[in-house]
Amino acid sequence: MSSILAGVSAAVLGGDDRELILVPQLARLGANVRVAGITKFIGNNLVQYFESAEEAVSGARFVILPMSGIDEQGNIMARYAQKPLRFTKDLIRSCIDDCTVIVGFARPLLKQLVAERGLGLVEIAGMDEVAIMNSIPSAEGALQMAMEATDITIHGSSAIVLGFGRCGLTLARMLSALGAKTSVAARKPADLARIAEMGMEPLKYSQLDECIKKADIVFNTVPSLVLDESLLRNTKPAVYICDIASTPGGVDFNAAEKLGRNAVLAPGLPGKVAPRTAGLILSRVIPDIMVSELANTSSLSSLEEDRR
């Protein structure tokens, strides 16, 4: 059994089935794992279970939050919690001075609380090794949703993907492989050239007004408003719109409802459609981050000692 995290205390707060994979892996690597909001670990001799998040983080060198982080009221997503779990000023005061918070995506409140306390913060959602691998279950989940929501096959359908980032690229490639007539909207000339090279139709966003009229399915991956009311008016009444961007997405959902369009916001698909795969991704990445943070702290301490 590896012991690269021997003696390192880590608090895992809330989450979903991904954390059921991550927590045992941290314990196998030697970490002293403290959990709150995951009742599945009550009575597990590999970890310590705490009723309160404040108790769990006390003395922890690392605090690990779900990929979604916390909302603007401080609520932590905790699928297996018996009561609400919150990230508060009282909780942050319970953290030790050299604590590092690891999260997928940090919203303003979390950034503010961590900064005020002077703690470290590592966001992993944007890291290539996480985002690229997570794009696979995200794309598969979006395709599954489209298959279930429509009465046509993906093959032969007219599909538009908005955005050509990590998720957009993977999704567009899968759509094309399934035989969809795939168009992809992007801003960068290099991306538009790559889309054409891959055998798909490149679109500038200025072309959407006309091109969206033919779409049977639209997938959005852009985390800012792209499909506004004027564009939604140009879609087919039977169009299916799947928005997999982070909340609040890139679709005017109020306008979509008013127009009778079937538009769905579906963030966090990896944890819903392939939690084991998504958990294994976290189990590879988070221990490496912890080791790196410990090494950086050790280096800084050595420098301070040398200066003395």
C-alpha atoms as a PDB file:
ATOM      1  CA  MET A   1       0.000   0.000   0.000  1.00  0.00           C
ATOM      2  CA  SER A   2       1.361   3.410  -1.001  1.00  0.00           C
ATOM      3  CA  SER A   3       1.828   5.913   1.803  1.00  0.00           C
ATOM      4  CA  ILE A   4       2.585   9.116  -0.114  1.00  0.00           C
ATOM      5  CA  LEU A   5       0.021  10.940   2.057  1.00  0.00           C
ATOM      6  CA  ALA A   6       0.963   9.256   5.330  1.00  0.00           C
ATOM      7  CA  GLY A   7      -0.124  11.365   8.279  1.00  0.00           C
ATOM      8  CA  VAL A   8      -1.726  14.077   6.133  1.00  0.00           C
ATOM      9  CA  SER A   9      -5.145  15.100   7.421  1.00  0.00           C
ATOM     10  CA  ALA A  10      -7.799  15.774   4.785  1.00  0.00           C
ATOM     11  CA  ALA A  11     -11.445  16.727   5.310  1.00  0.00           C
ATOM     12  CA  VAL A  12     -13.892  15.753   2.563  1.00  0.00           C
ATOM     13  CA  LEU A  13     -17.160  17.669   2.804  1.00  0.00           C
ATOM     14  CA  GLY A  14     -20.268  16.458   1.005  1.00  0.00           C
ATOM     15  CA  GLY A  15     -20.339  15.472  -2.634  1.00  0.00           C
ATOM     16  CA  ASP A  16     -21.935  12.541  -4.414  1.00  0.00           C
ATOM     17  CA  ASP A  17     -20.905   9.109  -5.686  1.00  0.00           C
ATOM     18  CA  ARG A  18     -17.582  10.517  -6.885  1.00  0.00           C
ATOM     19  CA  GLU A  19     -16.517  11.038  -3.287  1.00  0.00           C
ATOM     20  CA  LEU A  20     -17.345   7.395  -2.548  1.00  0.00           C
ATOM     21  CA  ILE A  21     -14.446   6.555  -4.884  1.00  0.00           C
ATOM     22  CA  LEU A  22     -12.135   9.389  -3.803  1.00  0.00           C
ATOM     23  CA  VAL A  23     -12.298   8.954  -0.015  1.00  0.00           C
ATOM     24  CA  PRO A  24     -11.129   5.298   0.103  1.00  0.00           C
ATOM     25  CA  GLN A  25      -8.316   6.125  -2.315  1.00  0.00           C
ATOM     26  CA  LEU A  26      -7.053   8.929  -0.073  1.00  0.00           C
ATOM     27  CA  ALA A  27      -7.163   6.523   2.874  1.00  0.00           C
ATOM     28  CA  ARG A  28      -5.248   3.882   0.897  1.00  0.00           C
ATOM     29  CA  LEU A  29      -2.563   6.478   0.226  1.00  0.00           C
ATOM     30  CA  GLY A  30      -2.123   6.959   3.963  1.00  0.00           C
ATOM     31  CA  ALA A  31      -4.153  10.106   4.544  1.00  0.00           C
ATOM     32  CA  ASN A  32      -6.089  10.673   7.738  1.00  0.00           C
ATOM     33  CA  VAL A  33      -9.477  11.238   6.102  1.00  0.00           C
ATOM     34  CA  ARG A  34     -12.229  13.083   7.962  1.00  0.00           C
ATOM     35  CA  VAL A  35     -15.660  13.284   6.323  1.00  0.00           C
ATOM     36  CA  ALA A  36     -18.874  15.206   6.908  1.00  0.00           C
ATOM     37  CA  GLY A  37     -22.085  14.976   4.939  1.00  0.00           C
ATOM     38  CA  ILE A  38     -21.335  11.484   3.585  1.00  0.00           C
ATOM     39  CA  THR A  39     -23.304   9.061   5.720  1.00  0.00           C
ATOM     40  CA  LYS A  40     -22.120   6.139   3.601  1.00  0.00           C
ATOM     41  CA  PHE A  41     -18.922   6.242   5.676  1.00  0.00           C
ATOM     42  CA  ILE A  42     -20.547   5.952   9.099  1.00  0.00           C
ATOM     43  CA  GLY A  43     -18.851   3.015  10.793  1.00  0.00           C
ATOM     44  CA  ASN A  44     -16.129   2.745   8.148  1.00  0.00           C
ATOM     45  CA  ASN A  45     -12.842   2.020   9.919  1.00  0.00           C
ATOM     46  CA  LEU A  46     -10.779   3.662   7.152  1.00  0.00           C
ATOM     47  CA  VAL A  47     -12.117   7.167   7.781  1.00  0.00           C
ATOM     48  CA  GLN A  48     -13.457   9.366  10.571  1.00  0.00           C
ATOM     49  CA  TYR A  49     -17.065  10.479  10.228  1.00  0.00           C
ATOM     50  CA  PHE A  50     -18.237  13.744  11.809  1.00  0.00           C
ATOM     51  CA  GLU A  51     -21.731  15.145  12.164  1.00  0.00           C
ATOM     52  CA  SER A  52     -20.530  18.718  11.686  1.00  0.00           C
ATOM     53  CA  ALA A  53     -18.345  20.172   8.967  1.00  0.00           C
ATOM     54  CA  GLU A  54     -16.621  22.376  11.565  1.00  0.00           C
ATOM     55  CA  GLU A  55     -15.417  19.296  13.441  1.00  0.00           C
ATOM     56  CA  ALA A  56     -14.299  17.614  10.238  1.00  0.00           C
ATOM     57  CA  VAL A  57     -12.081  20.502   9.106  1.00  0.00           C
ATOM     58  CA  SER A  58     -10.511  21.066  12.518  1.00  0.00           C
ATOM     59  CA  GLY A  59      -6.811  20.320  12.151  1.00  0.00           C
ATOM     60  CA  ALA A  60      -7.120  19.293   8.495  1.00  0.00           C
ATOM     61  CA  ARG A  61      -4.301  20.290   6.163  1.00  0.00           C
ATOM     62  CA  PHE A  62      -6.655  19.995   3.195  1.00  0.00           C
ATOM     63  CA  VAL A  63     -10.371  20.645   2.829  1.00  0.00           C
ATOM     64  CA  ILE A  64     -11.856  18.974  -0.239  1.00  0.00           C
ATOM     65  CA  LEU A  65     -15.183  20.277  -1.535  1.00  0.00           C
ATOM     66  CA  PRO A  66     -17.383  18.861  -4.314  1.00  0.00           C
ATOM     67  CA  MET A  67     -16.670  19.835  -7.924  1.00  0.00           C
ATOM     68  CA  SER A  68     -19.588  22.291  -7.764  1.00  0.00           C
ATOM     69  CA  GLY A  69     -18.108  24.011  -4.692  1.00  0.00           C
ATOM     70  CA  ILE A  70     -20.622  26.036  -2.678  1.00  0.00           C
ATOM     71  CA  ASP A  71     -23.507  28.229  -3.762  1.00  0.00           C
ATOM     72  CA  GLU A  72     -23.873  31.889  -2.836  1.00  0.00           C
ATOM     73  CA  GLN A  73     -25.603  30.960   0.432  1.00  0.00           C
ATOM     74  CA  GLY A  74     -22.702  28.726   1.422  1.00  0.00           C
ATOM     75  CA  ASN A  75     -24.553  25.453   0.857  1.00  0.00           C
ATOM     76  CA  ILE A  76     -22.413  22.441  -0.007  1.00  0.00           C
ATOM     77  CA  MET A  77     -23.908  19.843  -2.340  1.00  0.00           C
ATOM     78  CA  ALA A  78     -24.104  16.705  -0.210  1.00  0.00           C
ATOM     79  CA  ARG A  79     -26.128  13.865  -1.680  1.00  0.00           C
ATOM     80  CA  TYR A  80     -25.753  11.590   1.341  1.00  0.00           C
ATOM     81  CA  ALA A  81     -26.064  14.165   4.123  1.00  0.00           C
ATOM     82  CA  GLN A  82     -28.693  13.800   6.820  1.00  0.00           C
ATOM     83  CA  LYS A  83     -28.912  17.563   7.242  1.00  0.00           C
ATOM     84  CA  PRO A  84     -27.812  20.650   5.267  1.00  0.00           C
ATOM     85  CA  LEU A  85     -24.058  21.162   5.031  1.00  0.00           C
ATOM     86  CA  ARG A  86     -22.760  24.718   4.869  1.00  0.00           C
ATOM     87  CA  PHE A  87     -19.417  26.434   4.358  1.00  0.00           C
ATOM     88  CA  THR A  88     -19.528  29.391   6.754  1.00  0.00           C
ATOM     89  CA  LYS A  89     -17.283  31.894   8.494  1.00  0.00           C
ATOM     90  CA  ASP A  90     -17.397  29.683  11.580  1.00  0.00           C
ATOM     91  CA  LEU A  91     -16.183  26.750   9.494  1.00  0.00           C
ATOM     92  CA  ILE A  92     -13.356  28.725   7.902  1.00  0.00           C
ATOM     93  CA  ARG A  93     -12.248  29.838  11.372  1.00  0.00           C
ATOM     94  CA  SER A  94     -11.944  26.158  12.310  1.00  0.00           C
ATOM     95  CA  CYS A  95      -9.328  25.630   9.590  1.00  0.00           C
ATOM     96  CA  ILE A  96      -5.635  25.688  10.433  1.00  0.00           C
ATOM     97  CA  ASP A  97      -3.517  28.527   9.064  1.00  0.00           C
ATOM     98  CA  ASP A  98      -1.780  26.502   6.328  1.00  0.00           C
ATOM     99  CA  CYS A  99      -4.958  24.741   5.168  1.00  0.00           C
ATOM    100  CA  THR A 100      -5.565  24.454   1.427  1.00  0.00           C
ATOM    101  CA  VAL A 101      -9.086  24.207   0.010  1.00  0.00           C
ATOM    102  CA  ILE A 102      -9.443  22.028  -3.089  1.00  0.00           C
ATOM    103  CA  VAL A 103     -12.580  22.457  -5.181  1.00  0.00           C
ATOM    104  CA  GLY A 104     -13.766  22.000  -8.738  1.00  0.00           C
ATOM    105  CA  PHE A 105     -15.091  25.498  -9.279  1.00  0.00           C
ATOM    106  CA  ALA A 106     -14.975  28.348  -6.749  1.00  0.00           C
ATOM    107  CA  ARG A 107     -17.801  30.863  -6.811  1.00  0.00           C
ATOM    108  CA  PRO A 108     -17.291  34.396  -5.422  1.00  0.00           C
ATOM    109  CA  LEU A 109     -18.414  33.585  -1.862  1.00  0.00           C
ATOM    110  CA  LEU A 110     -15.920  30.744  -1.491  1.00  0.00           C
ATOM    111  CA  LYS A 111     -13.111  32.871  -2.915  1.00  0.00           C
ATOM    112  CA  GLN A 112     -13.998  35.666  -0.503  1.00  0.00           C
ATOM    113  CA  LEU A 113     -14.111  33.437   2.575  1.00  0.00           C
ATOM    114  CA  VAL A 114     -10.839  31.715   1.719  1.00  0.00           C
ATOM    115  CA  ALA A 115      -9.082  35.002   0.920  1.00  0.00           C
ATOM    116  CA  GLU A 116     -10.256  36.658   4.140  1.00  0.00           C
ATOM    117  CA  ARG A 117      -8.843  33.752   6.131  1.00  0.00           C
ATOM    118  CA  GLY A 118      -5.620  33.708   4.082  1.00  0.00           C
ATOM    119  CA  LEU A 119      -5.924  30.048   3.073  1.00  0.00           C
ATOM    120  CA  GLY A 120      -4.791  28.362  -0.111  1.00  0.00           C
ATOM    121  CA  LEU A 121      -7.305  27.628  -2.863  1.00  0.00           C
ATOM    122  CA  VAL A 122      -6.905  25.203  -5.765  1.00  0.00           C
ATOM    123  CA  GLU A 123      -9.576  24.971  -8.470  1.00  0.00           C
ATOM    124  CA  ILE A 124      -9.347  21.790 -10.497  1.00  0.00           C
ATOM    125  CA  ALA A 125     -12.273  22.012 -12.950  1.00  0.00           C
ATOM    126  CA  GLY A 126     -10.199  24.015 -15.409  1.00  0.00           C
ATOM    127  CA  MET A 127      -7.141  21.775 -15.278  1.00  0.00           C
ATOM    128  CA  ASP A 128      -6.623  19.892 -18.533  1.00  0.00           C
ATOM    129  CA  GLU A 129      -6.159  16.539 -16.830  1.00  0.00           C
ATOM    130  CA  VAL A 130      -9.586  16.947 -15.219  1.00  0.00           C
ATOM    131  CA  ALA A 131     -11.522  18.877 -17.868  1.00  0.00           C
ATOM    132  CA  ILE A 132     -10.460  16.780 -20.842  1.00  0.00           C
ATOM    133  CA  MET A 133     -11.204  13.476 -19.129  1.00  0.00           C
ATOM    134  CA  ASN A 134     -14.488  14.802 -17.708  1.00  0.00           C
ATOM    135  CA  SER A 135     -15.513  15.884 -21.204  1.00  0.00           C
ATOM    136  CA  ILE A 136     -16.037  12.210 -22.084  1.00  0.00           C
ATOM    137  CA  PRO A 137     -18.825  11.428 -19.569  1.00  0.00           C
ATOM    138  CA  SER A 138     -20.210  14.937 -20.140  1.00  0.00           C
ATOM    139  CA  ALA A 139     -20.537  14.298 -23.868  1.00  0.00           C
ATOM    140  CA  GLU A 140     -21.892  10.786 -23.401  1.00  0.00           C
ATOM    141  CA  GLY A 141     -24.455  12.073 -20.898  1.00  0.00           C
ATOM    142  CA  ALA A 142     -25.569  14.860 -23.231  1.00  0.00           C
ATOM    143  CA  LEU A 143     -26.018  12.379 -26.069  1.00  0.00           C
ATOM    144  CA  GLN A 144     -27.996  10.062 -23.790  1.00  0.00           C
ATOM    145  CA  MET A 145     -30.298  12.933 -22.817  1.00  0.00           C
ATOM    146  CA  ALA A 146     -30.824  13.880 -26.466  1.00  0.00           C
ATOM    147  CA  MET A 147     -31.617  10.284 -27.429  1.00  0.00           C
ATOM    148  CA  GLU A 148     -34.197  10.007 -24.653  1.00  0.00           C
ATOM    149  CA  ALA A 149     -35.776  13.410 -25.315  1.00  0.00           C
ATOM    150  CA  THR A 150     -36.227  13.184 -29.098  1.00  0.00           C
ATOM    151  CA  ASP A 151     -38.088  10.886 -31.480  1.00  0.00           C
ATOM    152  CA  ILE A 152     -35.293  10.834 -34.053  1.00  0.00           C
ATOM    153  CA  THR A 153     -31.897   9.174 -34.243  1.00  0.00           C
ATOM    154  CA  ILE A 154     -28.685  11.081 -33.710  1.00  0.00           C
ATOM    155  CA  HIS A 155     -27.601   9.637 -37.045  1.00  0.00           C
ATOM    156  CA  GLY A 156     -28.878  11.921 -39.778  1.00  0.00           C
ATOM    157  CA  SER A 157     -30.007  14.632 -37.373  1.00  0.00           C
ATOM    158  CA  SER A 158     -28.927  18.231 -37.718  1.00  0.00           C
ATOM    159  CA  ALA A 159     -26.949  19.124 -34.597  1.00  0.00           C
ATOM    160  CA  ILE A 160     -25.241  22.315 -33.512  1.00  0.00           C
ATOM    161  CA  VAL A 161     -22.595  22.506 -30.790  1.00  0.00           C
ATOM    162  CA  LEU A 162     -21.986  25.926 -29.274  1.00  0.00           C
ATOM    163  CA  GLY A 163     -18.388  26.252 -28.151  1.00  0.00           C
ATOM    164  CA  PHE A 164     -15.258  24.344 -29.092  1.00  0.00           C
ATOM    165  CA  GLY A 165     -13.525  24.011 -25.754  1.00  0.00           C
ATOM    166  CA  ARG A 166     -12.746  20.676 -24.158  1.00  0.00           C
ATOM    167  CA  CYS A 167     -16.374  19.534 -23.867  1.00  0.00           C
ATOM    168  CA  GLY A 168     -17.412  21.057 -27.163  1.00  0.00           C
ATOM    169  CA  LEU A 169     -14.641  19.317 -29.072  1.00  0.00           C
ATOM    170  CA  THR A 170     -15.354  15.900 -27.546  1.00  0.00           C
ATOM    171  CA  LEU A 171     -19.105  16.244 -28.049  1.00  0.00           C
ATOM    172  CA  ALA A 172     -18.762  17.409 -31.653  1.00  0.00           C
ATOM    173  CA  ARG A 173     -16.451  14.509 -32.461  1.00  0.00           C
ATOM    174  CA  MET A 174     -18.891  11.982 -30.963  1.00  0.00           C
ATOM    175  CA  LEU A 175     -21.842  13.502 -32.835  1.00  0.00           C
ATOM    176  CA  SER A 176     -19.977  13.372 -36.109  1.00  0.00           C
ATOM    177  CA  ALA A 177     -18.932   9.760 -35.475  1.00  0.00           C
ATOM    178  CA  LEU A 178     -22.592   8.833 -34.902  1.00  0.00           C
ATOM    179  CA  GLY A 179     -23.533  10.295 -38.272  1.00  0.00           C
ATOM    180  CA  ALA A 180     -25.074  13.599 -37.209  1.00  0.00           C
ATOM    181  CA  LYS A 181     -24.822  16.548 -39.580  1.00  0.00           C
ATOM    182  CA  THR A 182     -22.704  18.496 -37.124  1.00  0.00           C
ATOM    183  CA  SER A 183     -22.081  22.239 -37.059  1.00  0.00           C
ATOM    184  CA  VAL A 184     -19.905  23.875 -34.412  1.00  0.00           C
ATOM    185  CA  ALA A 185     -19.865  27.539 -33.398  1.00  0.00           C
ATOM    186  CA  ALA A 186     -16.542  28.989 -32.281  1.00  0.00           C
ATOM    187  CA  ARG A 187     -14.825  32.363 -32.050  1.00  0.00           C
ATOM    188  CA  LYS A 188     -11.177  31.651 -32.778  1.00  0.00           C
ATOM    189  CA  PRO A 189     -10.073  31.313 -36.425  1.00  0.00           C
ATOM    190  CA  ALA A 190      -7.843  28.381 -35.427  1.00  0.00           C
ATOM    191  CA  ASP A 191     -10.846  26.569 -33.928  1.00  0.00           C
ATOM    192  CA  LEU A 192     -12.957  27.222 -37.006  1.00  0.00           C
ATOM    193  CA  ALA A 193     -10.174  25.784 -39.145  1.00  0.00           C
ATOM    194  CA  ARG A 194      -9.915  22.706 -36.928  1.00  0.00           C
ATOM    195  CA  ILE A 195     -13.681  22.170 -37.086  1.00  0.00           C
ATOM    196  CA  ALA A 196     -13.497  22.185 -40.888  1.00  0.00           C
ATOM    197  CA  GLU A 197     -10.482  19.854 -40.813  1.00  0.00           C
ATOM    198  CA  MET A 198     -12.524  17.405 -38.732  1.00  0.00           C
ATOM    199  CA  GLY A 199     -15.195  17.301 -41.422  1.00  0.00           C
ATOM    200  CA  MET A 200     -17.798  19.415 -39.641  1.00  0.00           C
ATOM    201  CA  GLU A 201     -19.376  22.750 -40.513  1.00  0.00           C
ATOM    202  CA  PRO A 202     -17.632  25.696 -38.814  1.00  0.00           C
ATOM    203  CA  LEU A 203     -19.900  28.519 -37.701  1.00  0.00           C
ATOM    204  CA  LYS A 204     -19.192  32.031 -36.535  1.00  0.00           C
ATOM    205  CA  TYR A 205     -21.598  33.182 -33.860  1.00  0.00           C
ATOM    206  CA  SER A 206     -22.841  35.855 -36.259  1.00  0.00           C
ATOM    207  CA  GLN A 207     -24.102  33.028 -38.496  1.00  0.00           C
ATOM    208  CA  LEU A 208     -26.232  31.389 -35.822  1.00  0.00           C
ATOM    209  CA  ASP A 209     -29.294  33.509 -36.530  1.00  0.00           C
ATOM    210  CA  GLU A 210     -29.782  31.723 -39.849  1.00  0.00           C
ATOM    211  CA  CYS A 211     -28.122  28.352 -39.238  1.00  0.00           C
ATOM    212  CA  ILE A 212     -30.021  27.543 -36.055  1.00  0.00           C
ATOM    213  CA  LYS A 213     -33.260  27.311 -38.035  1.00  0.00           C
ATOM    214  CA  LYS A 214     -32.291  23.860 -39.347  1.00  0.00           C
ATOM    215  CA  ALA A 215     -31.123  22.350 -36.044  1.00  0.00           C
ATOM    216  CA  ASP A 216     -32.910  19.356 -34.545  1.00  0.00           C
ATOM    217  CA  ILE A 217     -30.635  19.373 -31.490  1.00  0.00           C
ATOM    218  CA  VAL A 218     -28.532  22.154 -29.978  1.00  0.00           C
ATOM    219  CA  PHE A 219     -25.858  21.526 -27.367  1.00  0.00           C
ATOM    220  CA  ASN A 220     -24.435  24.484 -25.475  1.00  0.00           C
ATOM    221  CA  THR A 221     -21.068  24.329 -23.713  1.00  0.00           C
ATOM    222  CA  VAL A 222     -20.512  28.081 -23.279  1.00  0.00           C
ATOM    223  CA  PRO A 223     -20.957  29.353 -19.663  1.00  0.00           C
ATOM    224  CA  SER A 224     -22.406  32.726 -20.690  1.00  0.00           C
ATOM    225  CA  LEU A 225     -25.560  33.766 -22.509  1.00  0.00           C
ATOM    226  CA  VAL A 226     -25.444  32.588 -26.109  1.00  0.00           C
ATOM    227  CA  LEU A 227     -28.979  31.470 -26.929  1.00  0.00           C
ATOM    228  CA  ASP A 228     -31.023  34.574 -26.229  1.00  0.00           C
ATOM    229  CA  GLU A 229     -34.691  35.071 -27.059  1.00  0.00           C
ATOM    230  CA  SER A 230     -34.030  36.315 -30.573  1.00  0.00           C
ATOM    231  CA  LEU A 231     -32.066  33.177 -31.460  1.00  0.00           C
ATOM    232  CA  LEU A 232     -34.550  30.901 -29.705  1.00  0.00           C
ATOM    233  CA  ARG A 233     -37.344  32.353 -31.852  1.00  0.00           C
ATOM    234  CA  ASN A 234     -35.508  31.055 -34.913  1.00  0.00           C
ATOM    235  CA  THR A 235     -35.322  27.454 -33.692  1.00  0.00           C
ATOM    236  CA  LYS A 236     -37.721  24.700 -34.730  1.00  0.00           C
ATOM    237  CA  PRO A 237     -40.659  24.222 -32.326  1.00  0.00           C
ATOM    238  CA  ALA A 238     -39.519  20.617 -31.840  1.00  0.00           C
ATOM    239  CA  VAL A 239     -35.858  21.474 -31.218  1.00  0.00           C
ATOM    240  CA  TYR A 240     -34.151  19.908 -28.207  1.00  0.00           C
ATOM    241  CA  ILE A 241     -31.626  22.129 -26.407  1.00  0.00           C
ATOM    242  CA  CYS A 242     -29.186  20.584 -23.949  1.00  0.00           C
ATOM    243  CA  ASP A 243     -27.049  23.042 -21.980  1.00  0.00           C
ATOM    244  CA  ILE A 244     -24.094  21.353 -20.266  1.00  0.00           C
ATOM    245  CA  ALA A 245     -22.283  24.559 -19.296  1.00  0.00           C
ATOM    246  CA  SER A 246     -21.840  25.408 -15.626  1.00  0.00           C
ATOM    247  CA  THR A 247     -24.780  27.121 -13.906  1.00  0.00           C
ATOM    248  CA  PRO A 248     -26.506  29.383 -15.007  1.00  0.00           C
ATOM    249  CA  GLY A 249     -25.623  28.064 -18.479  1.00  0.00           C
ATOM    250  CA  GLY A 250     -25.828  29.890 -21.774  1.00  0.00           C
ATOM    251  CA  VAL A 251     -29.545  29.699 -22.594  1.00  0.00           C
ATOM    252  CA  ASP A 252     -32.334  32.136 -21.765  1.00  0.00           C
ATOM    253  CA  PHE A 253     -34.487  29.464 -20.133  1.00  0.00           C
ATOM    254  CA  ASN A 254     -37.338  31.866 -19.348  1.00  0.00           C
ATOM    255  CA  ALA A 255     -37.589  32.753 -23.025  1.00  0.00           C
ATOM    256  CA  ALA A 256     -37.329  29.090 -24.000  1.00  0.00           C
ATOM    257  CA  GLU A 257     -40.246  28.207 -21.718  1.00  0.00           C
ATOM    258  CA  LYS A 258     -42.300  31.103 -23.048  1.00  0.00           C
ATOM    259  CA  LEU A 259     -41.661  29.931 -26.617  1.00  0.00           C
ATOM    260  CA  GLY A 260     -42.415  26.307 -25.790  1.00  0.00           C
ATOM    261  CA  ARG A 261     -38.898  25.068 -26.539  1.00  0.00           C
ATOM    262  CA  ASN A 262     -37.568  21.990 -24.762  1.00  0.00           C
ATOM    263  CA  ALA A 263     -34.420  23.399 -23.148  1.00  0.00           C
ATOM    264  CA  VAL A 264     -32.658  21.656 -20.273  1.00  0.00           C
ATOM    265  CA  LEU A 265     -29.752  22.775 -18.081  1.00  0.00           C
ATOM    266  CA  ALA A 266     -27.583  19.757 -17.255  1.00  0.00           C
ATOM    267  CA  PRO A 267     -24.383  20.712 -15.397  1.00  0.00           C
ATOM    268  CA  GLY A 268     -22.273  18.159 -13.547  1.00  0.00           C
ATOM    269  CA  LEU A 269     -23.023  15.256 -15.895  1.00  0.00           C
ATOM    270  CA  PRO A 270     -19.867  13.253 -15.045  1.00  0.00           C
ATOM    271  CA  GLY A 271     -21.064  12.702 -11.481  1.00  0.00           C
ATOM    272  CA  LYS A 272     -24.541  11.717 -12.695  1.00  0.00           C
ATOM    273  CA  VAL A 273     -23.910   9.448 -15.675  1.00  0.00           C
ATOM    274  CA  ALA A 274     -20.497   7.996 -14.851  1.00  0.00           C
ATOM    275  CA  PRO A 275     -19.714   8.633 -11.158  1.00  0.00           C
ATOM    276  CA  ARG A 276     -17.186   5.812 -10.928  1.00  0.00           C
ATOM    277  CA  THR A 277     -15.181   7.120 -13.890  1.00  0.00           C
ATOM    278  CA  ALA A 278     -15.462  10.689 -12.589  1.00  0.00           C
ATOM    279  CA  GLY A 279     -14.418   9.534  -9.114  1.00  0.00           C
ATOM    280  CA  LEU A 280     -11.377   7.754 -10.507  1.00  0.00           C
ATOM    281  CA  ILE A 281     -10.354  10.969 -12.273  1.00  0.00           C
ATOM    282  CA  LEU A 282     -10.496  12.834  -8.955  1.00  0.00           C
ATOM    283  CA  SER A 283      -8.633   9.984  -7.267  1.00  0.00           C
ATOM    284  CA  ARG A 284      -5.734  10.452  -9.662  1.00  0.00           C
ATOM    285  CA  VAL A 285      -5.609  14.243  -9.664  1.00  0.00           C
ATOM    286  CA  ILE A 286      -6.330  15.309  -6.067  1.00  0.00           C
ATOM    287  CA  PRO A 287      -3.571  13.239  -4.380  1.00  0.00           C
ATOM    288  CA  ASP A 288      -1.058  14.723  -6.845  1.00  0.00           C
ATOM    289  CA  ILE A 289      -2.251  18.223  -5.941  1.00  0.00           C
ATOM    290  CA  MET A 290      -1.918  17.463  -2.244  1.00  0.00           C
ATOM    291  CA  VAL A 291       1.627  16.149  -2.691  1.00  0.00           C
ATOM    292  CA  SER A 292       2.530  19.217  -4.759  1.00  0.00           C
ATOM    293  CA  GLU A 293       1.079  21.610  -2.172  1.00  0.00           C
ATOM    294  CA  LEU A 294       2.975  19.854   0.624  1.00  0.00           C
ATOM    295  CA  ALA A 295       6.204  20.075  -1.372  1.00  0.00           C
ATOM    296  CA  ASN A 296       5.658  23.790  -2.028  1.00  0.00           C
ATOM    297  CA  THR A 297       5.033  24.422   1.662  1.00  0.00           C
ATOM    298  CA  SER A 298       8.185  22.503   2.566  1.00  0.00           C
ATOM    299  CA  SER A 299      10.224  24.508   0.052  1.00  0.00           C
ATOM    300  CA  LEU A 300       8.883  27.797   1.418  1.00  0.00           C
ATOM    301  CA  SER A 301       9.658  26.720   4.971  1.00  0.00           C
ATOM    302  CA  SER A 302      13.228  25.850   3.956  1.00  0.00           C
ATOM    303  CA  LEU A 303      13.669  29.238   2.325  1.00  0.00           C
ATOM    304  CA  GLU A 304      12.436  30.988   5.439  1.00  0.00           C
ATOM    305  CA  GLU A 305      14.828  28.962   7.566  1.00  0.00           C
ATOM    306  CA  ASP A 306      17.725  29.875   5.248  1.00  0.00           C
ATOM    307  CA  ARG A 307      16.862  33.563   5.513  1.00  0.00           C
ATOM    308  CA  ARG A 308      17.039  33.340   9.279  1.00  0.00           C
END
